[in-house]
Amino acid sequence: MTLLLRLSNMLVLPFWALMILLPRWRWTGRIMRSPFVSAVPALLYAALVLPRLGAIWPAIARPTLPGIATLLGSPEGATIAWVHFLAFDLFIGRWIFLDSQERRVSPLLMAPVLFLTLMLGPLGFLIYLVIRAVASSREADQSATQISGVRVNRNEPSIDGTQLGLQTRDPGKTLLQRAWHANWPLTMLGVAMILVFLAALAGVLLDHRVITGAPAWLKPAKFAVSVSVYCFTFVWLLGFVEGRPRLARLAANVTVVSFIVEMTVILTQAARGTTSHFNVTTPLNTFLWLTMGAFIVVVWTMNLLLAILLLFERIPNRPFAWSLRLGLLVSLVGMGSGFLMVRPTHEQLVTMAANHSLRIVGAHSVGVADGGPGVPVVGWSTVGGDLRVAHFLGIHAMQILPFFGWFVARRRNAFARFKEVHRLALISTIGFTYLELVLLLVWQALRGQSVIQPDVQTLTVGLVLLALAGLSTSVIAAHAKRTDSNPNGFDSKTVSSNSKHALDTGA
């Protein structure tokens, strides 16, 4: 049975290699268009099942959990089930490959989807259904545009500087359609991650395995939400980039590929029941961790590229523009704090000095082992330092600061009478205070201190930061009020005296 198991793998892997690695090769298309591609593993399955049909049929005709467990628990049953998976995964993979080529979906996007179909068949199939639905919507939009004779420029600036929403020439489009026109790969991935989140949530409820003190599927669920929010935020920010549309698309598309690789590794390791981060227990785990780490660096680099593009972009509303730029710059610092997690801990350095092999290199926590007591859901350590706090708060600056900038830029609120210079000063104050708070949380974590148990030093620095921010805000508000009440720079006595003199002289 071991030989048959290996043979079954060799029967299907060449086809997967052609679809994933050589999708544009003409012979790949010719081979995969043949309906007999899945015939060989199907024939092997038939050869294994038919002689044992009498024993297998009762278990599958009236399936019960003990009966299926008994059937799959034998070497013969496990081999038959594995060949079954391989045959149908290849059938579905072939359909996905051919259908995506007809719809002209990028092979760069399809490679990780096909790999996910190979490893976790139904999940890859589900993600492709989302891609297919969005691609169909795009084809319908293009057909409607050709019929109406209206030319739509996807690279136009899509957002007014004082509005928090995606805008297109057709205001009747839904928000998802507007995001699609801004950048369809990011939009597609954002929607796909919502489905991954729902699947991972089901895994949390049904799979009771625990990895480093948390449910096995909790990390994939959290990352799916994070990636989805990041994608839609990135799409929104792209709408402000006019000058360098090609660089903007490059940043978006590379980010999509990087996130697909990262999520594939996280899902694969969760399915295998092991950790995805810092795991160097085996050559495979080491390879997956290093690959994921490399693509995380790529995501950070693309975030930096977008920040540079927005830094040189001319956006009419300067305070709002700077809220976008500061949000991205602070998010770079927050994402960069994650690089501190890959450093070996003190205990790991001691183990390395003693020439002992390591199973884990790096950690989220400082001063304590990962997987101990933590805040519900997010898992931040409650007994030691945790770099994820600053990481989380810093990344979400790209949503929080632009929202504050939009609120300040509105015409119907307490800031309506503020001049541009005052609004710009206020945005700068909040932005730099946010940055200092992220750095404070990094400093707190590196000292092995829990976020819920700050010491006197942390509290003192935090209170000083808040006091300075409050003082700066008060000064800005007072100056704005004084300027608004006396726009010409004269006091009331001078104005009254001049008015009286004008009346006396008959002017």
Protein backbone atom coordinates (compact mmCIF):
# COMPACT_ATOMS: atom_id res chain seq x y z
CA MET A 1 0.00 0.00 0.00
CA THR A 2 2.88 2.38 0.67
CA LEU A 3 4.12 1.84 -2.89
CA LEU A 4 0.63 2.46 -4.31
CA LEU A 5 0.33 5.65 -2.27
CA ARG A 6 3.59 6.97 -3.70
CA LEU A 7 2.59 5.88 -7.20
CA SER A 8 -0.72 7.75 -6.95
CA ASN A 9 1.14 10.95 -6.06
CA MET A 10 3.46 10.55 -9.04
CA LEU A 11 0.46 10.09 -11.35
CA VAL A 12 -1.03 13.51 -10.59
CA LEU A 13 1.87 15.79 -9.61
CA PRO A 14 3.14 16.35 -13.20
CA PHE A 15 -0.26 17.74 -14.21
CA TRP A 16 -0.35 20.08 -11.22
CA ALA A 17 3.19 21.22 -12.00
CA LEU A 18 2.17 22.10 -15.56
CA MET A 19 -0.88 24.11 -14.43
CA ILE A 20 0.93 25.98 -11.65
CA LEU A 21 4.43 26.48 -13.05
CA LEU A 22 3.91 26.48 -16.85
CA PRO A 23 0.38 27.77 -17.41
CA ARG A 24 1.25 29.65 -20.63
CA TRP A 25 3.14 26.79 -22.29
CA ARG A 26 1.18 25.62 -25.32
CA TRP A 27 1.64 21.95 -24.42
CA THR A 28 0.12 22.59 -21.00
CA GLY A 29 -3.09 23.73 -22.66
CA ARG A 30 -3.12 20.79 -25.05
CA ILE A 31 -2.56 18.26 -22.29
CA MET A 32 -5.06 19.73 -19.82
CA ARG A 33 -7.79 20.02 -22.44
CA SER A 34 -7.80 16.25 -22.75
CA PRO A 35 -10.69 14.74 -20.73
CA PHE A 36 -8.51 11.74 -19.91
CA VAL A 37 -6.19 13.66 -17.57
CA SER A 38 -8.03 12.37 -14.50
CA ALA A 39 -8.52 8.91 -15.96
CA VAL A 40 -5.28 7.38 -14.68
CA PRO A 41 -5.87 8.03 -10.94
CA ALA A 42 -9.53 7.09 -11.49
CA LEU A 43 -8.43 3.75 -12.98
CA LEU A 44 -6.11 3.16 -10.02
CA TYR A 45 -9.02 3.93 -7.70
CA ALA A 46 -11.21 1.44 -9.56
CA ALA A 47 -8.49 -1.21 -9.32
CA LEU A 48 -8.32 -0.72 -5.56
CA VAL A 49 -12.05 -0.46 -4.87
CA LEU A 50 -13.63 -3.16 -7.05
CA PRO A 51 -11.92 -6.16 -5.39
CA ARG A 52 -12.94 -4.80 -1.96
CA LEU A 53 -16.40 -3.52 -2.93
CA GLY A 54 -18.17 -6.09 -0.76
CA ALA A 55 -16.43 -4.80 2.37
CA ILE A 56 -16.59 -1.11 1.43
CA TRP A 57 -20.20 -0.88 0.22
CA PRO A 58 -21.96 -1.44 3.58
CA ALA A 59 -19.90 1.33 5.19
CA ILE A 60 -20.67 3.90 2.49
CA ALA A 61 -24.27 2.84 1.81
CA ARG A 62 -25.25 3.54 5.41
CA PRO A 63 -22.48 5.81 6.66
CA THR A 64 -21.90 6.11 10.38
CA LEU A 65 -18.98 7.82 12.07
CA PRO A 66 -17.60 4.60 13.65
CA GLY A 67 -17.99 2.73 10.36
CA ILE A 68 -16.20 5.40 8.30
CA ALA A 69 -13.49 5.69 10.96
CA THR A 70 -12.93 1.94 10.83
CA LEU A 71 -12.84 1.96 7.04
CA LEU A 72 -10.31 4.78 6.83
CA GLY A 73 -8.28 3.47 9.77
CA SER A 74 -6.83 0.57 7.77
CA PRO A 75 -3.91 0.96 5.31
CA GLU A 76 -6.16 -0.17 2.45
CA GLY A 77 -8.94 2.24 3.37
CA ALA A 78 -6.57 5.20 3.81
CA THR A 79 -4.90 4.49 0.45
CA ILE A 80 -8.24 4.22 -1.35
CA ALA A 81 -9.44 7.48 0.23
CA TRP A 82 -6.21 9.23 -0.73
CA VAL A 83 -6.47 8.11 -4.37
CA HIS A 84 -10.10 9.23 -4.31
CA PHE A 85 -8.99 12.71 -3.17
CA LEU A 86 -6.26 12.90 -5.78
CA ALA A 87 -8.55 11.93 -8.65
CA PHE A 88 -11.28 14.43 -7.85
CA ASP A 89 -8.89 17.21 -6.85
CA LEU A 90 -7.21 16.86 -10.23
CA PHE A 91 -10.59 16.88 -11.97
CA ILE A 92 -11.58 20.10 -10.18
CA GLY A 93 -8.12 21.60 -10.69
CA ARG A 94 -8.30 20.92 -14.42
CA TRP A 95 -11.71 22.61 -14.63
CA ILE A 96 -10.44 25.63 -12.66
CA PHE A 97 -7.39 25.91 -14.92
CA LEU A 98 -9.36 25.76 -18.18
CA ASP A 99 -12.14 28.03 -16.95
CA SER A 100 -9.69 30.65 -15.65
CA GLN A 101 -7.91 30.71 -19.00
CA GLU A 102 -11.19 31.28 -20.84
CA ARG A 103 -11.93 34.19 -18.50
CA ARG A 104 -8.36 35.49 -18.83
CA VAL A 105 -7.68 35.44 -15.11
CA SER A 106 -4.03 36.18 -14.38
CA PRO A 107 -1.91 32.99 -14.03
CA LEU A 108 -0.03 34.80 -11.26
CA LEU A 109 -3.27 34.92 -9.27
CA MET A 110 -4.31 31.39 -10.20
CA ALA A 111 -1.05 29.71 -9.16
CA PRO A 112 -1.73 29.95 -5.38
CA VAL A 113 -5.41 29.10 -5.94
CA LEU A 114 -4.45 25.91 -7.78
CA PHE A 115 -1.89 25.07 -5.09
CA LEU A 116 -4.59 25.52 -2.45
CA THR A 117 -6.89 23.26 -4.47
CA LEU A 118 -4.16 20.61 -4.56
CA MET A 119 -3.58 20.82 -0.80
CA LEU A 120 -7.09 21.61 0.51
CA GLY A 121 -9.37 20.84 -2.45
CA PRO A 122 -12.77 22.32 -1.45
CA LEU A 123 -11.22 25.48 -0.02
CA GLY A 124 -9.36 26.25 -3.25
CA PHE A 125 -12.52 25.48 -5.22
CA LEU A 126 -14.54 27.86 -3.03
CA ILE A 127 -12.03 30.68 -3.50
CA TYR A 128 -12.07 30.18 -7.26
CA LEU A 129 -15.86 30.41 -7.30
CA VAL A 130 -15.50 33.88 -5.79
CA ILE A 131 -12.86 34.79 -8.40
CA ARG A 132 -15.11 33.46 -11.13
CA ALA A 133 -18.09 35.48 -9.91
CA VAL A 134 -16.05 38.69 -9.82
CA ALA A 135 -14.56 37.94 -13.25
CA SER A 136 -18.08 37.43 -14.63
CA SER A 137 -19.10 40.79 -13.16
CA ARG A 138 -16.11 42.41 -14.85
CA GLU A 139 -17.02 40.88 -18.21
CA ALA A 140 -20.58 42.14 -17.84
CA ASP A 141 -19.34 45.65 -17.01
CA GLN A 142 -17.02 45.66 -20.01
CA SER A 143 -19.82 44.50 -22.31
CA ALA A 144 -22.14 47.21 -20.99
CA THR A 145 -19.43 49.81 -21.49
CA GLN A 146 -18.85 48.73 -25.09
CA ILE A 147 -22.56 48.82 -25.83
CA SER A 148 -23.05 52.28 -24.34
CA GLY A 149 -19.90 53.59 -26.03
CA VAL A 150 -18.66 55.11 -22.77
CA ARG A 151 -14.97 54.75 -22.08
CA VAL A 152 -14.16 54.18 -18.41
CA ASN A 153 -10.69 54.99 -17.19
CA ARG A 154 -9.81 52.74 -14.25
CA ASN A 155 -6.76 54.84 -13.44
CA GLU A 156 -8.66 58.04 -12.72
CA PRO A 157 -8.57 59.50 -9.22
CA SER A 158 -11.51 57.82 -7.58
CA ILE A 159 -11.95 59.73 -4.36
CA ASP A 160 -12.63 63.32 -3.47
CA GLY A 161 -10.30 64.52 -0.73
CA THR A 162 -13.12 65.21 1.70
CA GLN A 163 -15.12 62.03 1.22
CA LEU A 164 -14.66 58.63 2.76
CA GLY A 165 -15.73 56.42 -0.11
CA LEU A 166 -14.82 55.12 -3.53
CA GLN A 167 -16.17 57.26 -6.34
CA THR A 168 -16.51 56.47 -10.04
CA ARG A 169 -18.17 58.16 -12.97
CA ASP A 170 -21.19 55.98 -12.36
CA PRO A 171 -22.54 56.82 -8.88
CA GLY A 172 -25.12 54.07 -9.26
CA LYS A 173 -22.50 51.35 -8.81
CA THR A 174 -22.22 49.53 -5.51
CA LEU A 175 -19.24 50.02 -3.23
CA LEU A 176 -17.89 46.60 -4.25
CA GLN A 177 -18.13 47.51 -7.94
CA ARG A 178 -16.31 50.76 -7.28
CA ALA A 179 -13.57 48.90 -5.46
CA TRP A 180 -13.40 46.47 -8.38
CA HIS A 181 -12.80 49.33 -10.83
CA ALA A 182 -10.05 50.72 -8.60
CA ASN A 183 -8.18 47.37 -8.45
CA TRP A 184 -9.88 44.04 -9.06
CA PRO A 185 -7.18 41.69 -7.67
CA LEU A 186 -7.22 43.43 -4.27
CA THR A 187 -11.02 43.47 -4.24
CA MET A 188 -11.18 39.81 -5.17
CA LEU A 189 -8.75 38.85 -2.43
CA GLY A 190 -10.62 40.97 0.11
CA VAL A 191 -13.87 39.15 -0.66
CA ALA A 192 -12.14 35.75 -0.72
CA MET A 193 -10.69 36.39 2.74
CA ILE A 194 -14.19 36.93 4.10
CA LEU A 195 -15.06 33.42 2.92
CA VAL A 196 -11.81 32.08 4.39
CA PHE A 197 -12.74 33.73 7.69
CA LEU A 198 -16.13 31.98 7.70
CA ALA A 199 -14.49 28.64 6.90
CA ALA A 200 -11.86 29.15 9.62
CA LEU A 201 -14.59 30.13 12.08
CA ALA A 202 -16.33 26.85 11.32
CA GLY A 203 -12.99 25.15 11.96
CA VAL A 204 -12.77 26.81 15.37
CA LEU A 205 -16.19 25.41 16.25
CA LEU A 206 -15.68 21.91 14.83
CA ASP A 207 -11.94 21.24 15.22
CA HIS A 208 -10.92 21.10 18.87
CA ARG A 209 -7.16 20.94 18.33
CA VAL A 210 -5.07 23.52 20.17
CA ILE A 211 -1.85 25.13 18.89
CA THR A 212 0.23 27.20 21.37
CA GLY A 213 -2.71 27.60 23.70
CA ALA A 214 -5.30 28.70 21.10
CA PRO A 215 -7.74 26.89 18.80
CA ALA A 216 -5.97 25.66 15.67
CA TRP A 217 -8.11 27.72 13.30
CA LEU A 218 -8.19 30.94 15.32
CA LYS A 219 -5.03 32.34 13.74
CA PRO A 220 -6.27 31.76 10.15
CA ALA A 221 -9.55 33.44 11.10
CA LYS A 222 -7.79 36.50 12.53
CA PHE A 223 -5.40 36.80 9.61
CA ALA A 224 -8.25 36.45 7.11
CA VAL A 225 -10.05 39.42 8.69
CA SER A 226 -6.84 41.44 8.84
CA VAL A 227 -5.94 40.74 5.21
CA SER A 228 -9.46 41.57 4.03
CA VAL A 229 -9.47 44.93 5.85
CA TYR A 230 -5.97 45.69 4.55
CA CYS A 231 -6.98 44.91 0.95
CA PHE A 232 -10.03 47.16 0.97
CA THR A 233 -8.05 49.96 2.66
CA PHE A 234 -5.32 49.61 0.03
CA VAL A 235 -7.95 49.82 -2.73
CA TRP A 236 -9.37 52.98 -1.19
CA LEU A 237 -5.93 54.61 -0.92
CA LEU A 238 -5.12 53.74 -4.53
CA GLY A 239 -7.90 56.07 -5.61
CA PHE A 240 -5.77 59.05 -4.62
CA VAL A 241 -2.81 58.10 -6.83
CA GLU A 242 -2.95 59.81 -10.22
CA GLY A 243 0.64 60.44 -11.19
CA ARG A 244 2.06 56.91 -11.20
CA PRO A 245 -0.77 54.47 -12.03
CA ARG A 246 1.62 51.68 -13.11
CA LEU A 247 3.55 51.81 -9.86
CA ALA A 248 0.27 51.87 -7.95
CA ARG A 249 -0.93 48.74 -9.78
CA LEU A 250 2.42 47.07 -9.19
CA ALA A 251 2.18 47.76 -5.45
CA ALA A 252 -1.37 46.40 -5.37
CA ASN A 253 -0.77 43.26 -7.41
CA VAL A 254 2.46 42.31 -5.63
CA THR A 255 0.64 42.78 -2.32
CA VAL A 256 -2.09 40.40 -3.51
CA VAL A 257 0.41 37.67 -4.44
CA SER A 258 2.27 38.12 -1.14
CA PHE A 259 -0.90 37.79 0.93
CA ILE A 260 -1.99 34.70 -1.00
CA VAL A 261 1.33 33.01 -0.23
CA GLU A 262 1.16 34.06 3.43
CA MET A 263 -2.42 32.83 3.89
CA THR A 264 -1.66 29.58 2.07
CA VAL A 265 1.15 28.85 4.53
CA ILE A 266 -0.99 29.76 7.55
CA LEU A 267 -3.89 27.58 6.37
CA THR A 268 -1.59 24.68 5.49
CA GLN A 269 0.09 24.71 8.88
CA ALA A 270 -3.21 24.99 10.71
CA ALA A 271 -4.49 21.97 8.78
CA ARG A 272 -1.31 20.09 9.73
CA GLY A 273 -1.81 21.02 13.39
CA THR A 274 1.40 22.99 13.80
CA THR A 275 2.51 26.62 14.06
CA SER A 276 3.21 28.74 11.01
CA HIS A 277 5.35 31.43 12.68
CA PHE A 278 8.91 30.82 13.95
CA ASN A 279 8.61 27.07 13.22
CA VAL A 280 11.95 25.44 12.32
CA THR A 281 11.21 21.92 13.55
CA THR A 282 11.57 20.28 10.12
CA PRO A 283 12.98 21.32 6.74
CA LEU A 284 9.42 21.72 5.40
CA ASN A 285 8.31 23.89 8.33
CA THR A 286 11.47 25.97 8.03
CA PHE A 287 10.92 26.49 4.31
CA LEU A 288 7.29 27.53 4.83
CA TRP A 289 8.19 29.95 7.61
CA LEU A 290 11.04 31.57 5.67
CA THR A 291 8.88 31.83 2.56
CA MET A 292 6.09 33.50 4.49
CA GLY A 293 8.57 35.84 6.20
CA ALA A 294 10.05 36.88 2.86
CA PHE A 295 6.64 37.79 1.47
CA ILE A 296 5.78 39.74 4.64
CA VAL A 297 8.82 41.89 3.88
CA VAL A 298 7.45 42.35 0.35
CA VAL A 299 4.09 43.54 1.77
CA TRP A 300 5.94 46.08 3.92
CA THR A 301 7.90 47.28 0.89
CA MET A 302 4.72 47.75 -1.17
CA ASN A 303 3.20 49.71 1.72
CA LEU A 304 6.28 51.94 1.64
CA LEU A 305 5.91 52.38 -2.12
CA LEU A 306 2.29 53.49 -1.71
CA ALA A 307 3.33 55.94 1.04
CA ILE A 308 5.96 57.44 -1.27
CA LEU A 309 3.43 57.76 -4.10
CA LEU A 310 0.99 59.58 -1.81
CA LEU A 311 3.78 61.76 -0.45
CA PHE A 312 4.37 63.24 -3.90
CA GLU A 313 0.72 63.25 -4.95
CA ARG A 314 -1.10 66.57 -5.15
CA ILE A 315 -4.31 66.23 -3.15
CA PRO A 316 -6.32 69.48 -2.87
CA ASN A 317 -7.27 69.07 0.79
CA ARG A 318 -3.87 69.24 2.49
CA PRO A 319 -4.95 68.23 6.04
CA PHE A 320 -6.77 65.17 4.70
CA ALA A 321 -3.82 64.35 2.44
CA TRP A 322 -1.47 64.38 5.41
CA SER A 323 -3.80 62.14 7.39
CA LEU A 324 -3.41 59.58 4.59
CA ARG A 325 0.37 59.95 4.50
CA LEU A 326 0.81 59.85 8.28
CA GLY A 327 -1.50 56.82 8.48
CA LEU A 328 0.70 54.91 6.03
CA LEU A 329 3.94 56.03 7.67
CA VAL A 330 2.76 54.97 11.14
CA SER A 331 1.53 51.67 9.69
CA LEU A 332 5.04 51.10 8.34
CA VAL A 333 6.40 51.49 11.87
CA GLY A 334 3.72 49.17 13.23
CA MET A 335 4.43 46.54 10.60
CA GLY A 336 8.16 47.00 11.16
CA SER A 337 7.72 46.18 14.85
CA GLY A 338 6.88 42.67 13.69
CA PHE A 339 10.47 42.25 12.54
CA LEU A 340 11.49 42.35 16.22
CA MET A 341 9.54 39.13 16.73
CA VAL A 342 11.86 37.06 14.55
CA ARG A 343 14.88 37.69 16.78
CA PRO A 344 15.88 34.72 18.96
CA THR A 345 14.81 35.13 22.57
CA HIS A 346 17.29 34.99 25.45
CA GLU A 347 16.39 31.37 26.16
CA GLN A 348 16.82 30.47 22.49
CA LEU A 349 20.23 32.16 22.38
CA VAL A 350 21.31 30.15 25.42
CA THR A 351 20.15 26.95 23.70
CA MET A 352 22.05 27.90 20.53
CA ALA A 353 25.19 28.64 22.56
CA ALA A 354 24.98 25.14 24.03
CA ASN A 355 24.92 23.71 20.47
CA HIS A 356 21.41 22.33 20.90
CA SER A 357 18.93 22.35 18.02
CA LEU A 358 16.02 24.75 18.19
CA ARG A 359 12.41 24.04 17.36
CA ILE A 360 11.29 27.65 17.50
CA VAL A 361 13.29 30.79 16.63
CA GLY A 362 11.55 34.04 17.59
CA ALA A 363 8.41 34.80 19.58
CA HIS A 364 5.48 37.16 19.91
CA SER A 365 5.96 37.51 23.65
CA VAL A 366 8.92 38.90 25.59
CA GLY A 367 9.99 37.41 28.90
CA VAL A 368 7.46 34.58 28.73
CA ALA A 369 6.71 31.73 26.34
CA ASP A 370 4.08 32.11 23.64
CA GLY A 371 0.76 30.45 24.38
CA GLY A 372 0.43 31.53 28.02
CA PRO A 373 -2.41 33.53 29.59
CA GLY A 374 -3.62 36.20 27.19
CA VAL A 375 -6.34 38.64 26.23
CA PRO A 376 -9.31 36.77 24.68
CA VAL A 377 -9.33 36.44 20.87
CA VAL A 378 -6.22 38.56 20.18
CA GLY A 379 -4.10 36.49 22.59
CA TRP A 380 -1.86 39.34 23.82
CA SER A 381 0.08 38.15 26.85
CA THR A 382 -1.26 39.27 30.21
CA VAL A 383 1.83 38.15 32.13
CA GLY A 384 4.67 39.43 29.93
CA GLY A 385 5.54 41.74 27.08
CA ASP A 386 3.87 41.26 23.70
CA LEU A 387 4.99 42.94 20.49
CA ARG A 388 1.67 42.20 18.80
CA VAL A 389 0.02 45.11 20.63
CA ALA A 390 2.14 47.77 18.91
CA HIS A 391 2.02 45.74 15.70
CA PHE A 392 -1.78 45.73 15.72
CA LEU A 393 -2.25 49.38 16.69
CA GLY A 394 0.40 50.54 14.21
CA ILE A 395 -1.02 48.69 11.22
CA HIS A 396 -4.49 50.09 11.82
CA ALA A 397 -3.18 53.65 11.71
CA MET A 398 -3.83 53.45 7.96
CA GLN A 399 -7.55 53.33 8.78
CA ILE A 400 -7.77 55.38 12.00
CA LEU A 401 -5.76 58.46 10.98
CA PRO A 402 -7.44 58.90 7.56
CA PHE A 403 -10.83 58.59 9.26
CA PHE A 404 -9.83 61.34 11.68
CA GLY A 405 -8.60 63.42 8.74
CA TRP A 406 -11.93 62.96 6.98
CA PHE A 407 -13.82 63.97 10.13
CA VAL A 408 -11.75 67.13 10.51
CA ALA A 409 -12.25 67.95 6.81
CA ARG A 410 -16.04 67.79 7.05
CA ARG A 411 -17.93 71.06 6.79
CA ARG A 412 -20.52 70.38 9.47
CA ASN A 413 -18.70 69.80 12.75
CA ALA A 414 -16.74 71.61 15.45
CA PHE A 415 -13.80 72.11 13.07
CA ALA A 416 -15.85 73.86 10.39
CA ARG A 417 -14.42 77.28 11.28
CA PHE A 418 -10.83 76.08 11.46
CA LYS A 419 -8.56 77.36 8.73
CA GLU A 420 -6.45 74.96 6.72
CA VAL A 421 -3.33 75.73 8.75
CA HIS A 422 -5.14 74.86 11.99
CA ARG A 423 -6.53 71.64 10.61
CA LEU A 424 -3.10 70.70 9.32
CA ALA A 425 -1.59 71.38 12.76
CA LEU A 426 -4.30 69.29 14.41
CA ILE A 427 -3.75 66.36 12.04
CA SER A 428 0.01 66.55 12.65
CA THR A 429 -0.51 66.58 16.42
CA ILE A 430 -2.76 63.50 16.36
CA GLY A 431 -0.55 61.69 13.84
CA PHE A 432 2.68 62.15 15.77
CA THR A 433 0.97 61.35 19.08
CA TYR A 434 -0.26 58.10 17.52
CA LEU A 435 3.27 57.31 16.37
CA GLU A 436 4.67 57.99 19.84
CA LEU A 437 2.02 55.73 21.35
CA VAL A 438 3.07 52.87 19.03
CA LEU A 439 6.72 53.38 19.99
CA LEU A 440 5.73 53.47 23.67
CA LEU A 441 4.00 50.10 23.30
CA VAL A 442 7.10 48.66 21.59
CA TRP A 443 9.27 49.95 24.46
CA GLN A 444 6.86 48.49 27.01
CA ALA A 445 6.84 45.08 25.31
CA LEU A 446 10.63 44.90 24.98
CA ARG A 447 10.89 45.36 28.75
CA GLY A 448 8.78 42.22 29.22
CA GLN A 449 5.80 44.18 30.54
CA SER A 450 2.18 43.26 29.85
CA VAL A 451 0.02 45.89 28.20
CA ILE A 452 -2.57 45.54 31.00
CA GLN A 453 0.05 45.96 33.77
CA PRO A 454 2.03 49.13 32.96
CA ASP A 455 4.65 50.24 35.48
CA VAL A 456 5.30 53.79 36.71
CA GLN A 457 7.68 54.58 33.85
CA THR A 458 5.20 53.53 31.18
CA LEU A 459 2.34 55.40 32.83
CA THR A 460 4.45 58.54 33.26
CA VAL A 461 5.57 58.61 29.63
CA GLY A 462 2.02 57.88 28.46
CA LEU A 463 0.55 60.68 30.57
CA VAL A 464 3.21 63.11 29.32
CA LEU A 465 2.36 62.22 25.73
CA LEU A 466 -1.36 62.74 26.35
CA ALA A 467 -0.71 66.02 28.17
CA LEU A 468 1.44 67.36 25.34
CA ALA A 469 -1.18 66.30 22.79
CA GLY A 470 -3.93 67.96 24.82
CA LEU A 471 -1.88 71.15 25.27
CA SER A 472 -1.07 71.32 21.57
CA THR A 473 -4.73 70.76 20.64
CA SER A 474 -5.85 73.50 23.07
CA VAL A 475 -3.35 75.99 21.66
CA ILE A 476 -4.45 75.21 18.10
CA ALA A 477 -8.14 75.55 19.02
CA ALA A 478 -7.55 78.83 20.89
CA HIS A 479 -5.57 80.32 18.04
CA ALA A 480 -8.20 79.18 15.52
CA LYS A 481 -10.96 80.78 17.60
CA ARG A 482 -9.07 84.05 18.01
CA THR A 483 -8.27 84.19 14.29
CA ASP A 484 -11.88 83.43 13.36
CA SER A 485 -13.31 86.10 15.68
CA ASN A 486 -10.81 88.72 14.45
CA PRO A 487 -9.99 87.78 10.84
CA ASN A 488 -8.34 91.14 9.96
CA GLY A 489 -5.96 91.12 12.88
CA PHE A 490 -7.48 94.24 14.65
CA ASP A 491 -8.86 94.24 18.16
CA SER A 492 -12.39 95.49 18.96
CA LYS A 493 -11.23 98.86 20.40
CA THR A 494 -9.37 99.73 17.21
CA VAL A 495 -12.35 98.76 15.06
CA SER A 496 -14.71 100.86 17.23
CA SER A 497 -12.40 103.91 17.17
CA ASN A 498 -12.02 103.76 13.39
CA SER A 499 -15.78 103.48 12.95
CA LYS A 500 -16.40 106.53 15.16
CA HIS A 501 -13.79 108.57 13.29
CA ALA A 502 -15.39 107.64 9.97
CA LEU A 503 -18.79 108.85 11.19
CA ASP A 504 -17.38 112.13 12.53
CA THR A 505 -15.67 112.96 9.23
CA GLY A 506 -18.63 111.89 7.18
CA ALA A 507 -16.67 109.19 5.41
